[in-house]
PDB file of N, CA and C in Angstrom:
ATOM      1  N   MET A   1      17.622   6.368   6.723  1.00  0.00           N
ATOM      2  CA  MET A   1      17.159   5.482   7.637  1.00  0.00           C
ATOM      3  C   MET A   1      16.132   6.171   8.580  1.00  0.00           C
ATOM      4  N   ARG A   2      15.021   5.613   8.964  1.00  0.00           N
ATOM      5  CA  ARG A   2      14.342   6.195   9.909  1.00  0.00           C
ATOM      6  C   ARG A   2      14.357   5.709  11.427  1.00  0.00           C
ATOM      7  N   ASN A   3      14.362   6.778  12.273  1.00  0.00           N
ATOM      8  CA  ASN A   3      14.485   6.422  13.551  1.00  0.00           C
ATOM      9  C   ASN A   3      13.398   4.831  14.065  1.00  0.00           C
ATOM     10  N   LYS A   4      13.938   4.090  14.646  1.00  0.00           N
ATOM     11  CA  LYS A   4      13.083   2.806  14.965  1.00  0.00           C
ATOM     12  C   LYS A   4      12.097   3.068  15.857  1.00  0.00           C
ATOM     13  N   TYR A   5      12.172   4.022  16.816  1.00  0.00           N
ATOM     14  CA  TYR A   5      10.958   4.410  17.510  1.00  0.00           C
ATOM     15  C   TYR A   5       9.685   5.067  16.915  1.00  0.00           C
ATOM     16  N   ILE A   6      10.026   5.974  15.908  1.00  0.00           N
ATOM     17  CA  ILE A   6       9.109   6.437  15.194  1.00  0.00           C
ATOM     18  C   ILE A   6       8.368   5.452  14.217  1.00  0.00           C
ATOM     19  N   GLU A   7       9.343   4.560  13.551  1.00  0.00           N
ATOM     20  CA  GLU A   7       8.606   3.682  12.757  1.00  0.00           C
ATOM     21  C   GLU A   7       7.713   2.668  13.462  1.00  0.00           C
ATOM     22  N   SER A   8       8.170   2.065  14.732  1.00  0.00           N
ATOM     23  CA  SER A   8       7.374   1.347  15.640  1.00  0.00           C
ATOM     24  C   SER A   8       5.901   2.074  16.122  1.00  0.00           C
ATOM     25  N   PHE A   9       6.164   3.509  16.283  1.00  0.00           N
ATOM     26  CA  PHE A   9       4.823   4.135  16.586  1.00  0.00           C
ATOM     27  C   PHE A   9       3.934   4.332  15.225  1.00  0.00           C
ATOM     28  N   GLU A  10       4.454   4.633  14.182  1.00  0.00           N
ATOM     29  CA  GLU A  10       3.470   4.716  12.867  1.00  0.00           C
ATOM     30  C   GLU A  10       3.145   3.060  12.682  1.00  0.00           C
ATOM     31  N   ASN A  11       3.717   2.036  12.697  1.00  0.00           N
ATOM     32  CA  ASN A  11       3.131   0.812  12.692  1.00  0.00           C
ATOM     33  C   ASN A  11       2.260   0.386  13.524  1.00  0.00           C
ATOM     34  N   ALA A  12       2.242   0.767  14.801  1.00  0.00           N
ATOM     35  CA  ALA A  12       1.190   0.770  15.830  1.00  0.00           C
ATOM     36  C   ALA A  12      -0.115   1.531  15.433  1.00  0.00           C
ATOM     37  N   GLN A  13       0.014   3.006  14.593  1.00  0.00           N
ATOM     38  CA  GLN A  13      -0.890   3.792  14.419  1.00  0.00           C
ATOM     39  C   GLN A  13      -1.797   3.200  12.891  1.00  0.00           C
ATOM     40  N   ILE A  14      -1.012   2.463  12.213  1.00  0.00           N
ATOM     41  CA  ILE A  14      -1.457   1.671  11.013  1.00  0.00           C
ATOM     42  C   ILE A  14      -2.332   0.729  11.005  1.00  0.00           C
ATOM     43  N   ALA A  15      -1.694  -0.258  11.908  1.00  0.00           N
ATOM     44  CA  ALA A  15      -2.273  -1.673  12.281  1.00  0.00           C
ATOM     45  C   ALA A  15      -3.572  -1.760  11.902  1.00  0.00           C
ATOM     46  N   GLY A  16      -4.465  -1.218  12.744  1.00  0.00           N
ATOM     47  CA  GLY A  16      -5.899  -1.463  13.037  1.00  0.00           C
ATOM     48  C   GLY A  16      -6.770  -0.911  11.627  1.00  0.00           C
ATOM     49  N   LYS A  17      -6.327  -0.104  10.779  1.00  0.00           N
ATOM     50  CA  LYS A  17      -6.823   0.241   9.615  1.00  0.00           C
ATOM     51  C   LYS A  17      -6.824  -0.501   8.442  1.00  0.00           C
ATOM     52  N   GLN A  18      -8.104  -0.676   7.712  1.00  0.00           N
ATOM     53  CA  GLN A  18      -8.170  -1.378   6.662  1.00  0.00           C
ATOM     54  C   GLN A  18      -8.455  -0.109   5.429  1.00  0.00           C
ATOM     55  N   VAL A  19      -7.547  -0.051   4.605  1.00  0.00           N
ATOM     56  CA  VAL A  19      -7.743   0.900   3.527  1.00  0.00           C
ATOM     57  C   VAL A  19      -7.761   0.442   2.086  1.00  0.00           C
ATOM     58  N   PRO A  20      -8.524   0.424   1.391  1.00  0.00           N
ATOM     59  CA  PRO A  20      -8.519  -0.203  -0.067  1.00  0.00           C
ATOM     60  C   PRO A  20      -7.592   0.531  -0.870  1.00  0.00           C
ATOM     61  N   GLU A  21      -7.087  -0.371  -1.892  1.00  0.00           N
ATOM     62  CA  GLU A  21      -6.402   0.039  -2.768  1.00  0.00           C
ATOM     63  C   GLU A  21      -6.785   0.827  -3.813  1.00  0.00           C
ATOM     64  N   PHE A  22      -6.446   2.225  -4.017  1.00  0.00           N
ATOM     65  CA  PHE A  22      -7.000   3.372  -4.805  1.00  0.00           C
ATOM     66  C   PHE A  22      -6.168   4.169  -5.305  1.00  0.00           C
ATOM     67  N   ARG A  23      -6.297   5.086  -6.243  1.00  0.00           N
ATOM     68  CA  ARG A  23      -5.414   5.934  -7.000  1.00  0.00           C
ATOM     69  C   ARG A  23      -6.115   6.998  -7.378  1.00  0.00           C
ATOM     70  N   ALA A  24      -5.264   8.231  -8.064  1.00  0.00           N
ATOM     71  CA  ALA A  24      -6.087   9.490  -8.553  1.00  0.00           C
ATOM     72  C   ALA A  24      -6.922   9.038  -9.788  1.00  0.00           C
ATOM     73  N   GLY A  25      -8.106   9.327  -9.742  1.00  0.00           N
ATOM     74  CA  GLY A  25      -9.107   8.997 -10.843  1.00  0.00           C
ATOM     75  C   GLY A  25     -10.224   7.876 -10.240  1.00  0.00           C
ATOM     76  N   ASP A  26     -10.027   7.519  -9.276  1.00  0.00           N
ATOM     77  CA  ASP A  26     -11.064   6.551  -8.518  1.00  0.00           C
ATOM     78  C   ASP A  26     -12.084   7.526  -7.833  1.00  0.00           C
ATOM     79  N   THR A  27     -13.263   6.981  -8.135  1.00  0.00           N
ATOM     80  CA  THR A  27     -14.343   7.820  -7.204  1.00  0.00           C
ATOM     81  C   THR A  27     -14.509   7.151  -5.828  1.00  0.00           C
ATOM     82  N   LEU A  28     -14.296   7.624  -4.923  1.00  0.00           N
ATOM     83  CA  LEU A  28     -14.358   7.332  -3.511  1.00  0.00           C
ATOM     84  C   LEU A  28     -15.708   7.846  -2.639  1.00  0.00           C
ATOM     85  N   ARG A  29     -16.140   7.135  -1.716  1.00  0.00           N
ATOM     86  CA  ARG A  29     -17.078   7.547  -0.712  1.00  0.00           C
ATOM     87  C   ARG A  29     -16.305   7.086   0.660  1.00  0.00           C
ATOM     88  N   VAL A  30     -16.243   8.571   1.278  1.00  0.00           N
ATOM     89  CA  VAL A  30     -15.371   8.592   2.597  1.00  0.00           C
ATOM     90  C   VAL A  30     -16.462   8.712   3.415  1.00  0.00           C
ATOM     91  N   ALA A  31     -16.580   7.891   4.634  1.00  0.00           N
ATOM     92  CA  ALA A  31     -17.453   8.156   5.691  1.00  0.00           C
ATOM     93  C   ALA A  31     -16.838   8.661   6.844  1.00  0.00           C
ATOM     94  N   LEU A  32     -17.364   9.877   7.138  1.00  0.00           N
ATOM     95  CA  LEU A  32     -16.371  10.630   8.178  1.00  0.00           C
ATOM     96  C   LEU A  32     -17.359  10.717   9.560  1.00  0.00           C
ATOM     97  N   ARG A  33     -16.624  10.512  10.566  1.00  0.00           N
ATOM     98  CA  ARG A  33     -17.447  10.709  12.071  1.00  0.00           C
ATOM     99  C   ARG A  33     -17.252  12.070  12.214  1.00  0.00           C
ATOM    100  N   ILE A  34     -18.734  12.796  12.509  1.00  0.00           N
ATOM    101  CA  ILE A  34     -18.665  14.261  12.751  1.00  0.00           C
ATOM    102  C   ILE A  34     -19.102  14.411  14.102  1.00  0.00           C
ATOM    103  N   LYS A  35     -18.497  15.199  14.770  1.00  0.00           N
ATOM    104  CA  LYS A  35     -19.072  15.507  16.383  1.00  0.00           C
ATOM    105  C   LYS A  35     -19.542  16.679  16.465  1.00  0.00           C
ATOM    106  N   GLU A  36     -20.758  16.738  16.879  1.00  0.00           N
ATOM    107  CA  GLU A  36     -21.661  18.133  16.990  1.00  0.00           C
ATOM    108  C   GLU A  36     -22.088  18.171  18.470  1.00  0.00           C
ATOM    109  N   GLY A  37     -21.301  18.835  19.182  1.00  0.00           N
ATOM    110  CA  GLY A  37     -21.682  19.210  20.827  1.00  0.00           C
ATOM    111  C   GLY A  37     -21.316  17.490  21.165  1.00  0.00           C
ATOM    112  N   ASP A  38     -22.123  16.937  21.888  1.00  0.00           N
ATOM    113  CA  ASP A  38     -21.804  15.942  22.697  1.00  0.00           C
ATOM    114  C   ASP A  38     -22.399  14.558  21.739  1.00  0.00           C
ATOM    115  N   LYS A  39     -22.977  14.889  20.480  1.00  0.00           N
ATOM    116  CA  LYS A  39     -23.452  13.755  19.567  1.00  0.00           C
ATOM    117  C   LYS A  39     -22.539  13.644  18.726  1.00  0.00           C
ATOM    118  N   SER A  40     -22.473  12.267  17.906  1.00  0.00           N
ATOM    119  CA  SER A  40     -21.757  12.086  16.848  1.00  0.00           C
ATOM    120  C   SER A  40     -22.330  11.486  15.963  1.00  0.00           C
ATOM    121  N   ARG A  41     -22.229  11.627  14.430  1.00  0.00           N
ATOM    122  CA  ARG A  41     -22.787  10.897  13.589  1.00  0.00           C
ATOM    123  C   ARG A  41     -21.802  10.867  12.243  1.00  0.00           C
ATOM    124  N   VAL A  42     -22.126   9.879  11.255  1.00  0.00           N
ATOM    125  CA  VAL A  42     -21.422   9.620  10.169  1.00  0.00           C
ATOM    126  C   VAL A  42     -22.260  10.291   8.878  1.00  0.00           C
ATOM    127  N   GLN A  43     -21.359  11.043   8.245  1.00  0.00           N
ATOM    128  CA  GLN A  43     -21.356  11.661   7.163  1.00  0.00           C
ATOM    129  C   GLN A  43     -20.565  11.077   5.960  1.00  0.00           C
ATOM    130  N   ASN A  44     -21.191  10.918   4.705  1.00  0.00           N
ATOM    131  CA  ASN A  44     -20.298  10.486   3.538  1.00  0.00           C
ATOM    132  C   ASN A  44     -19.920  11.672   2.719  1.00  0.00           C
ATOM    133  N   PHE A  45     -18.732  11.639   2.119  1.00  0.00           N
ATOM    134  CA  PHE A  45     -18.080  12.608   1.028  1.00  0.00           C
ATOM    135  C   PHE A  45     -17.835  11.693   0.004  1.00  0.00           C
ATOM    136  N   GLU A  46     -18.512  11.783  -1.364  1.00  0.00           N
ATOM    137  CA  GLU A  46     -18.299  11.159  -2.074  1.00  0.00           C
ATOM    138  C   GLU A  46     -17.674  11.788  -3.339  1.00  0.00           C
ATOM    139  N   GLY A  47     -16.595  11.520  -4.177  1.00  0.00           N
ATOM    140  CA  GLY A  47     -16.078  12.449  -5.141  1.00  0.00           C
ATOM    141  C   GLY A  47     -14.883  11.602  -5.681  1.00  0.00           C
ATOM    142  N   ILE A  48     -14.211  12.313  -6.753  1.00  0.00           N
ATOM    143  CA  ILE A  48     -13.252  11.749  -7.216  1.00  0.00           C
ATOM    144  C   ILE A  48     -11.773  12.127  -6.540  1.00  0.00           C
ATOM    145  N   CYS A  49     -10.855  11.252  -6.408  1.00  0.00           N
ATOM    146  CA  CYS A  49      -9.629  11.439  -5.719  1.00  0.00           C
ATOM    147  C   CYS A  49      -8.770  11.910  -6.803  1.00  0.00           C
ATOM    148  N   ILE A  50      -8.356  13.269  -6.390  1.00  0.00           N
ATOM    149  CA  ILE A  50      -7.465  13.768  -7.505  1.00  0.00           C
ATOM    150  C   ILE A  50      -5.974  13.920  -7.285  1.00  0.00           C
ATOM    151  N   ALA A  51      -5.505  13.472  -5.893  1.00  0.00           N
ATOM    152  CA  ALA A  51      -4.208  13.235  -5.633  1.00  0.00           C
ATOM    153  C   ALA A  51      -3.987  12.574  -4.452  1.00  0.00           C
ATOM    154  N   ARG A  52      -2.745  11.653  -4.316  1.00  0.00           N
ATOM    155  CA  ARG A  52      -2.349  11.180  -3.071  1.00  0.00           C
ATOM    156  C   ARG A  52      -1.137  11.848  -2.758  1.00  0.00           C
ATOM    157  N   ARG A  53      -0.630  11.817  -1.555  1.00  0.00           N
ATOM    158  CA  ARG A  53       0.856  12.144  -1.342  1.00  0.00           C
ATOM    159  C   ARG A  53       1.172  11.765   0.061  1.00  0.00           C
ATOM    160  N   GLY A  54       2.402  11.871   0.282  1.00  0.00           N
ATOM    161  CA  GLY A  54       3.156  11.294   1.504  1.00  0.00           C
ATOM    162  C   GLY A  54       3.340   9.812   1.741  1.00  0.00           C
ATOM    163  N   THR A  55       3.811   9.460   2.689  1.00  0.00           N
ATOM    164  CA  THR A  55       3.989   8.383   3.263  1.00  0.00           C
ATOM    165  C   THR A  55       3.831   7.897   4.667  1.00  0.00           C
ATOM    166  N   GLY A  56       3.477   6.404   4.986  1.00  0.00           N
ATOM    167  CA  GLY A  56       3.167   6.243   6.407  1.00  0.00           C
ATOM    168  C   GLY A  56       2.121   6.990   6.956  1.00  0.00           C
ATOM    169  N   THR A  57       2.061   7.345   8.246  1.00  0.00           N
ATOM    170  CA  THR A  57       1.076   8.003   8.846  1.00  0.00           C
ATOM    171  C   THR A  57       0.766   9.254   8.554  1.00  0.00           C
ATOM    172  N   GLY A  58       1.730   9.916   7.762  1.00  0.00           N
ATOM    173  CA  GLY A  58       1.423  11.189   7.252  1.00  0.00           C
ATOM    174  C   GLY A  58       0.913  11.338   5.863  1.00  0.00           C
ATOM    175  N   GLU A  59       0.374  10.106   5.278  1.00  0.00           N
ATOM    176  CA  GLU A  59      -0.177  10.002   3.923  1.00  0.00           C
ATOM    177  C   GLU A  59      -1.473  10.790   3.956  1.00  0.00           C
ATOM    178  N   THR A  60      -1.830  11.457   2.658  1.00  0.00           N
ATOM    179  CA  THR A  60      -3.140  12.145   2.548  1.00  0.00           C
ATOM    180  C   THR A  60      -3.542  11.904   1.316  1.00  0.00           C
ATOM    181  N   PHE A  61      -4.944  12.140   0.936  1.00  0.00           N
ATOM    182  CA  PHE A  61      -5.444  12.030  -0.297  1.00  0.00           C
ATOM    183  C   PHE A  61      -6.415  13.278  -0.547  1.00  0.00           C
ATOM    184  N   ILE A  62      -6.577  13.834  -1.680  1.00  0.00           N
ATOM    185  CA  ILE A  62      -7.713  14.950  -2.072  1.00  0.00           C
ATOM    186  C   ILE A  62      -8.945  14.417  -2.782  1.00  0.00           C
ATOM    187  N   VAL A  63      -9.986  14.518  -2.275  1.00  0.00           N
ATOM    188  CA  VAL A  63     -11.306  14.162  -2.883  1.00  0.00           C
ATOM    189  C   VAL A  63     -11.847  15.341  -3.251  1.00  0.00           C
ATOM    190  N   ARG A  64     -12.400  15.460  -4.464  1.00  0.00           N
ATOM    191  CA  ARG A  64     -12.955  16.746  -5.145  1.00  0.00           C
ATOM    192  C   ARG A  64     -14.697  16.206  -5.508  1.00  0.00           C
ATOM    193  N   LYS A  65     -15.704  16.718  -5.399  1.00  0.00           N
ATOM    194  CA  LYS A  65     -16.912  16.666  -5.689  1.00  0.00           C
ATOM    195  C   LYS A  65     -17.422  18.065  -6.169  1.00  0.00           C
ATOM    196  N   ILE A  66     -18.521  17.943  -7.039  1.00  0.00           N
ATOM    197  CA  ILE A  66     -19.227  18.944  -7.327  1.00  0.00           C
ATOM    198  C   ILE A  66     -20.512  19.125  -6.260  1.00  0.00           C
ATOM    199  N   GLY A  67     -20.588  20.234  -5.424  1.00  0.00           N
ATOM    200  CA  GLY A  67     -21.762  20.562  -4.534  1.00  0.00           C
ATOM    201  C   GLY A  67     -22.816  21.040  -5.051  1.00  0.00           C
ATOM    202  N   ALA A  68     -23.378  21.906  -4.168  1.00  0.00           N
ATOM    203  CA  ALA A  68     -24.553  22.472  -4.681  1.00  0.00           C
ATOM    204  C   ALA A  68     -24.274  23.681  -4.987  1.00  0.00           C
ATOM    205  N   ASN A  69     -25.129  24.117  -6.258  1.00  0.00           N
ATOM    206  CA  ASN A  69     -24.840  25.290  -7.222  1.00  0.00           C
ATOM    207  C   ASN A  69     -23.675  25.197  -8.203  1.00  0.00           C
ATOM    208  N   SER A  70     -23.483  23.816  -8.312  1.00  0.00           N
ATOM    209  CA  SER A  70     -22.355  23.269  -9.325  1.00  0.00           C
ATOM    210  C   SER A  70     -20.898  24.051  -8.825  1.00  0.00           C
ATOM    211  N   VAL A  71     -20.639  24.024  -7.663  1.00  0.00           N
ATOM    212  CA  VAL A  71     -19.441  24.635  -7.100  1.00  0.00           C
ATOM    213  C   VAL A  71     -18.726  23.460  -6.567  1.00  0.00           C
ATOM    214  N   GLY A  72     -17.319  23.249  -7.079  1.00  0.00           N
ATOM    215  CA  GLY A  72     -16.404  22.247  -6.559  1.00  0.00           C
ATOM    216  C   GLY A  72     -16.124  22.323  -5.158  1.00  0.00           C
ATOM    217  N   VAL A  73     -16.154  21.276  -4.443  1.00  0.00           N
ATOM    218  CA  VAL A  73     -15.579  21.310  -2.980  1.00  0.00           C
ATOM    219  C   VAL A  73     -14.556  20.399  -3.046  1.00  0.00           C
ATOM    220  N   GLU A  74     -13.483  20.593  -2.425  1.00  0.00           N
ATOM    221  CA  GLU A  74     -12.303  19.599  -2.318  1.00  0.00           C
ATOM    222  C   GLU A  74     -11.918  19.605  -0.889  1.00  0.00           C
ATOM    223  N   ARG A  75     -11.693  18.262  -0.395  1.00  0.00           N
ATOM    224  CA  ARG A  75     -11.253  18.075   1.027  1.00  0.00           C
ATOM    225  C   ARG A  75      -9.977  16.947   0.990  1.00  0.00           C
ATOM    226  N   ILE A  76      -8.880  17.500   2.090  1.00  0.00           N
ATOM    227  CA  ILE A  76      -7.794  16.675   2.163  1.00  0.00           C
ATOM    228  C   ILE A  76      -7.992  15.789   3.285  1.00  0.00           C
ATOM    229  N   PHE A  77      -7.876  14.530   3.151  1.00  0.00           N
ATOM    230  CA  PHE A  77      -8.050  13.613   4.271  1.00  0.00           C
ATOM    231  C   PHE A  77      -6.780  12.944   4.663  1.00  0.00           C
ATOM    232  N   PRO A  78      -6.076  12.748   5.753  1.00  0.00           N
ATOM    233  CA  PRO A  78      -5.518  11.654   6.138  1.00  0.00           C
ATOM    234  C   PRO A  78      -5.835  10.393   6.013  1.00  0.00           C
ATOM    235  N   ILE A  79      -5.056   9.438   5.317  1.00  0.00           N
ATOM    236  CA  ILE A  79      -5.438   8.218   5.290  1.00  0.00           C
ATOM    237  C   ILE A  79      -5.827   7.578   6.792  1.00  0.00           C
ATOM    238  N   TYR A  80      -5.086   7.651   7.561  1.00  0.00           N
ATOM    239  CA  TYR A  80      -5.259   6.946   8.798  1.00  0.00           C
ATOM    240  C   TYR A  80      -5.693   7.676  10.008  1.00  0.00           C
ATOM    241  N   SER A  81      -6.435   8.670   9.454  1.00  0.00           N
ATOM    242  CA  SER A  81      -7.332   9.608  10.438  1.00  0.00           C
ATOM    243  C   SER A  81      -8.308   8.681  11.492  1.00  0.00           C
ATOM    244  N   GLU A  82      -8.332   9.241  12.628  1.00  0.00           N
ATOM    245  CA  GLU A  82      -9.183   8.403  13.516  1.00  0.00           C
ATOM    246  C   GLU A  82     -10.884   8.853  13.211  1.00  0.00           C
ATOM    247  N   ASN A  83     -11.133  10.101  12.665  1.00  0.00           N
ATOM    248  CA  ASN A  83     -12.264  10.510  12.024  1.00  0.00           C
ATOM    249  C   ASN A  83     -12.968   9.788  11.006  1.00  0.00           C
ATOM    250  N   ILE A  84     -11.899   8.855   9.980  1.00  0.00           N
ATOM    251  CA  ILE A  84     -12.557   8.344   9.195  1.00  0.00           C
ATOM    252  C   ILE A  84     -13.057   6.771   9.341  1.00  0.00           C
ATOM    253  N   GLU A  85     -14.326   6.577   9.205  1.00  0.00           N
ATOM    254  CA  GLU A  85     -14.804   5.342   9.834  1.00  0.00           C
ATOM    255  C   GLU A  85     -14.542   4.288   8.624  1.00  0.00           C
ATOM    256  N   GLU A  86     -14.637   4.794   7.369  1.00  0.00           N
ATOM    257  CA  GLU A  86     -14.309   3.742   6.091  1.00  0.00           C
ATOM    258  C   GLU A  86     -14.265   4.629   4.843  1.00  0.00           C
ATOM    259  N   ILE A  87     -13.378   3.769   3.894  1.00  0.00           N
ATOM    260  CA  ILE A  87     -13.175   4.356   2.457  1.00  0.00           C
ATOM    261  C   ILE A  87     -13.580   3.338   1.706  1.00  0.00           C
ATOM    262  N   THR A  88     -14.798   3.625   0.928  1.00  0.00           N
ATOM    263  CA  THR A  88     -15.164   2.747  -0.034  1.00  0.00           C
ATOM    264  C   THR A  88     -14.812   3.245  -1.395  1.00  0.00           C
ATOM    265  N   LEU A  89     -14.298   2.150  -2.257  1.00  0.00           N
ATOM    266  CA  LEU A  89     -14.147   2.615  -3.681  1.00  0.00           C
ATOM    267  C   LEU A  89     -15.449   2.577  -4.460  1.00  0.00           C
ATOM    268  N   VAL A  90     -15.756   3.285  -5.156  1.00  0.00           N
ATOM    269  CA  VAL A  90     -17.208   3.269  -5.844  1.00  0.00           C
ATOM    270  C   VAL A  90     -16.800   2.647  -7.236  1.00  0.00           C
ATOM    271  N   ARG A  91     -15.728   3.522  -7.929  1.00  0.00           N
ATOM    272  CA  ARG A  91     -15.383   2.913  -9.356  1.00  0.00           C
ATOM    273  C   ARG A  91     -14.217   3.391  -9.556  1.00  0.00           C
ATOM    274  N   ARG A  92     -13.163   2.654 -10.487  1.00  0.00           N
ATOM    275  CA  ARG A  92     -11.981   2.954 -10.832  1.00  0.00           C
ATOM    276  C   ARG A  92     -12.105   3.776 -11.986  1.00  0.00           C
ATOM    277  N   GLY A  93     -11.154   4.600 -12.061  1.00  0.00           N
ATOM    278  CA  GLY A  93     -10.986   5.509 -13.357  1.00  0.00           C
ATOM    279  C   GLY A  93      -9.682   5.314 -14.145  1.00  0.00           C
ATOM    280  N   ARG A  94      -9.844   5.600 -15.439  1.00  0.00           N
ATOM    281  CA  ARG A  94      -8.559   5.197 -16.159  1.00  0.00           C
ATOM    282  C   ARG A  94      -7.977   6.698 -16.746  1.00  0.00           C
ATOM    283  N   VAL A  95      -6.934   6.836 -15.868  1.00  0.00           N
ATOM    284  CA  VAL A  95      -6.119   8.214 -15.965  1.00  0.00           C
ATOM    285  C   VAL A  95      -4.863   7.765 -16.217  1.00  0.00           C
ATOM    286  N   ARG A  96      -4.040   8.829 -16.874  1.00  0.00           N
ATOM    287  CA  ARG A  96      -2.687   8.703 -17.152  1.00  0.00           C
ATOM    288  C   ARG A  96      -1.725   9.596 -16.221  1.00  0.00           C
ATOM    289  N   ARG A  97      -2.391  10.145 -15.227  1.00  0.00           N
ATOM    290  CA  ARG A  97      -1.510  11.151 -14.295  1.00  0.00           C
ATOM    291  C   ARG A  97      -1.927  10.791 -12.870  1.00  0.00           C
ATOM    292  N   SER A  98      -0.937  11.194 -12.034  1.00  0.00           N
ATOM    293  CA  SER A  98      -0.960  10.845 -10.768  1.00  0.00           C
ATOM    294  C   SER A  98      -1.574  12.103  -9.805  1.00  0.00           C
ATOM    295  N   LYS A  99      -1.485  13.098 -10.664  1.00  0.00           N
ATOM    296  CA  LYS A  99      -2.286  14.388  -9.852  1.00  0.00           C
ATOM    297  C   LYS A  99      -3.319  15.000 -11.010  1.00  0.00           C
ATOM    298  N   LEU A 100      -4.517  14.977 -10.571  1.00  0.00           N
ATOM    299  CA  LEU A 100      -5.591  15.359 -11.752  1.00  0.00           C
ATOM    300  C   LEU A 100      -5.967  16.836 -11.356  1.00  0.00           C
ATOM    301  N   PHE A 101      -5.212  17.949 -11.196  1.00  0.00           N
ATOM    302  CA  PHE A 101      -5.777  19.264 -10.390  1.00  0.00           C
ATOM    303  C   PHE A 101      -6.245  19.837 -11.737  1.00  0.00           C
ATOM    304  N   TYR A 102      -6.061  19.475 -13.171  1.00  0.00           N
ATOM    305  CA  TYR A 102      -6.636  19.955 -14.040  1.00  0.00           C
ATOM    306  C   TYR A 102      -8.247  19.869 -14.337  1.00  0.00           C
ATOM    307  N   LEU A 103      -8.506  19.105 -13.409  1.00  0.00           N
ATOM    308  CA  LEU A 103     -10.040  18.879 -13.329  1.00  0.00           C
ATOM    309  C   LEU A 103     -10.949  20.154 -12.611  1.00  0.00           C
ATOM    310  N   ARG A 104      -9.912  21.163 -11.893  1.00  0.00           N
ATOM    311  CA  ARG A 104     -10.538  22.237 -11.359  1.00  0.00           C
ATOM    312  C   ARG A 104     -10.796  23.191 -12.403  1.00  0.00           C
ATOM    313  N   ASP A 105     -10.415  23.036 -13.479  1.00  0.00           N
ATOM    314  CA  ASP A 105     -10.774  23.923 -14.642  1.00  0.00           C
ATOM    315  C   ASP A 105     -11.876  23.537 -15.405  1.00  0.00           C
ATOM    316  N   ARG A 106     -12.243  22.302 -15.146  1.00  0.00           N
ATOM    317  CA  ARG A 106     -13.171  21.798 -16.228  1.00  0.00           C
ATOM    318  C   ARG A 106     -14.545  21.737 -15.603  1.00  0.00           C
ATOM    319  N   ARG A 107     -15.679  21.521 -16.384  1.00  0.00           N
ATOM    320  CA  ARG A 107     -17.051  21.614 -15.870  1.00  0.00           C
ATOM    321  C   ARG A 107     -17.800  20.528 -16.671  1.00  0.00           C
ATOM    322  N   GLY A 108     -18.838  19.955 -16.127  1.00  0.00           N
ATOM    323  CA  GLY A 108     -19.664  18.924 -16.945  1.00  0.00           C
ATOM    324  C   GLY A 108     -18.759  17.810 -17.653  1.00  0.00           C
ATOM    325  N   LYS A 109     -19.127  17.704 -18.917  1.00  0.00           N
ATOM    326  CA  LYS A 109     -18.686  16.495 -19.735  1.00  0.00           C
ATOM    327  C   LYS A 109     -17.263  16.681 -19.717  1.00  0.00           C
ATOM    328  N   ALA A 110     -16.520  18.011 -19.753  1.00  0.00           N
ATOM    329  CA  ALA A 110     -14.965  17.849 -19.970  1.00  0.00           C
ATOM    330  C   ALA A 110     -14.377  17.308 -18.885  1.00  0.00           C
ATOM    331  N   ALA A 111     -15.082  17.275 -17.527  1.00  0.00           N
ATOM    332  CA  ALA A 111     -14.582  16.682 -16.453  1.00  0.00           C
ATOM    333  C   ALA A 111     -14.570  15.245 -16.184  1.00  0.00           C
ATOM    334  N   ARG A 112     -15.365  14.426 -17.071  1.00  0.00           N
ATOM    335  CA  ARG A 112     -15.685  12.976 -16.826  1.00  0.00           C
ATOM    336  C   ARG A 112     -14.076  12.392 -16.989  1.00  0.00           C
ATOM    337  N   ILE A 113     -14.313  11.214 -16.284  1.00  0.00           N
ATOM    338  CA  ILE A 113     -13.153  10.255 -16.236  1.00  0.00           C
ATOM    339  C   ILE A 113     -13.653   8.916 -16.847  1.00  0.00           C
ATOM    340  N   LYS A 114     -13.226   8.155 -17.887  1.00  0.00           N
ATOM    341  CA  LYS A 114     -13.534   6.810 -18.075  1.00  0.00           C
ATOM    342  C   LYS A 114     -13.391   5.925 -17.018  1.00  0.00           C
ATOM    343  N   GLU A 115     -14.145   5.041 -16.852  1.00  0.00           N
ATOM    344  CA  GLU A 115     -14.222   3.747 -16.232  1.00  0.00           C
ATOM    345  C   GLU A 115     -13.173   2.730 -16.561  1.00  0.00           C
ATOM    346  N   LEU A 116     -12.357   2.319 -15.833  1.00  0.00           N
ATOM    347  CA  LEU A 116     -11.483   1.212 -15.983  1.00  0.00           C
ATOM    348  C   LEU A 116     -12.219  -0.266 -16.014  1.00  0.00           C
ATOM    349  N   LYS A 117     -12.224  -0.679 -16.859  1.00  0.00           N
ATOM    350  CA  LYS A 117     -12.962  -2.014 -17.106  1.00  0.00           C
ATOM    351  C   LYS A 117     -11.832  -3.389 -16.769  1.00  0.00           C
ATOM    352  N   LYS A 118     -12.215  -4.205 -15.997  1.00  0.00           N
ATOM    353  CA  LYS A 118     -11.270  -5.496 -15.785  1.00  0.00           C
ATOM    354  C   LYS A 118     -11.318  -6.488 -16.832  1.00  0.00           C
TER     355      LYS A 118
END
């Protein structure tokens, strides 16, 4: 059983955020608020969600994209972070695992994920 004070604090943190339903294999576009000096801007990070872990306010997800010079870039995002403007679901992937760490070793066509048709 969790402490009621911690639980009420977590519920207050979660209350204002709209997070879409997504899981590993889905392609996401995460809009991040980046602060440079006294200016602030929004930058998108688009890639495949390869893992989700944790519960409540401590829940995180890992997004992997292929960056410049075909180098893989991974970022771990807390779902309820204040720096995340929005999370957009670009496409659903059809996978049979909850953690897709095997994609780290794959390149090109071998790293494709089938799209889930409704």
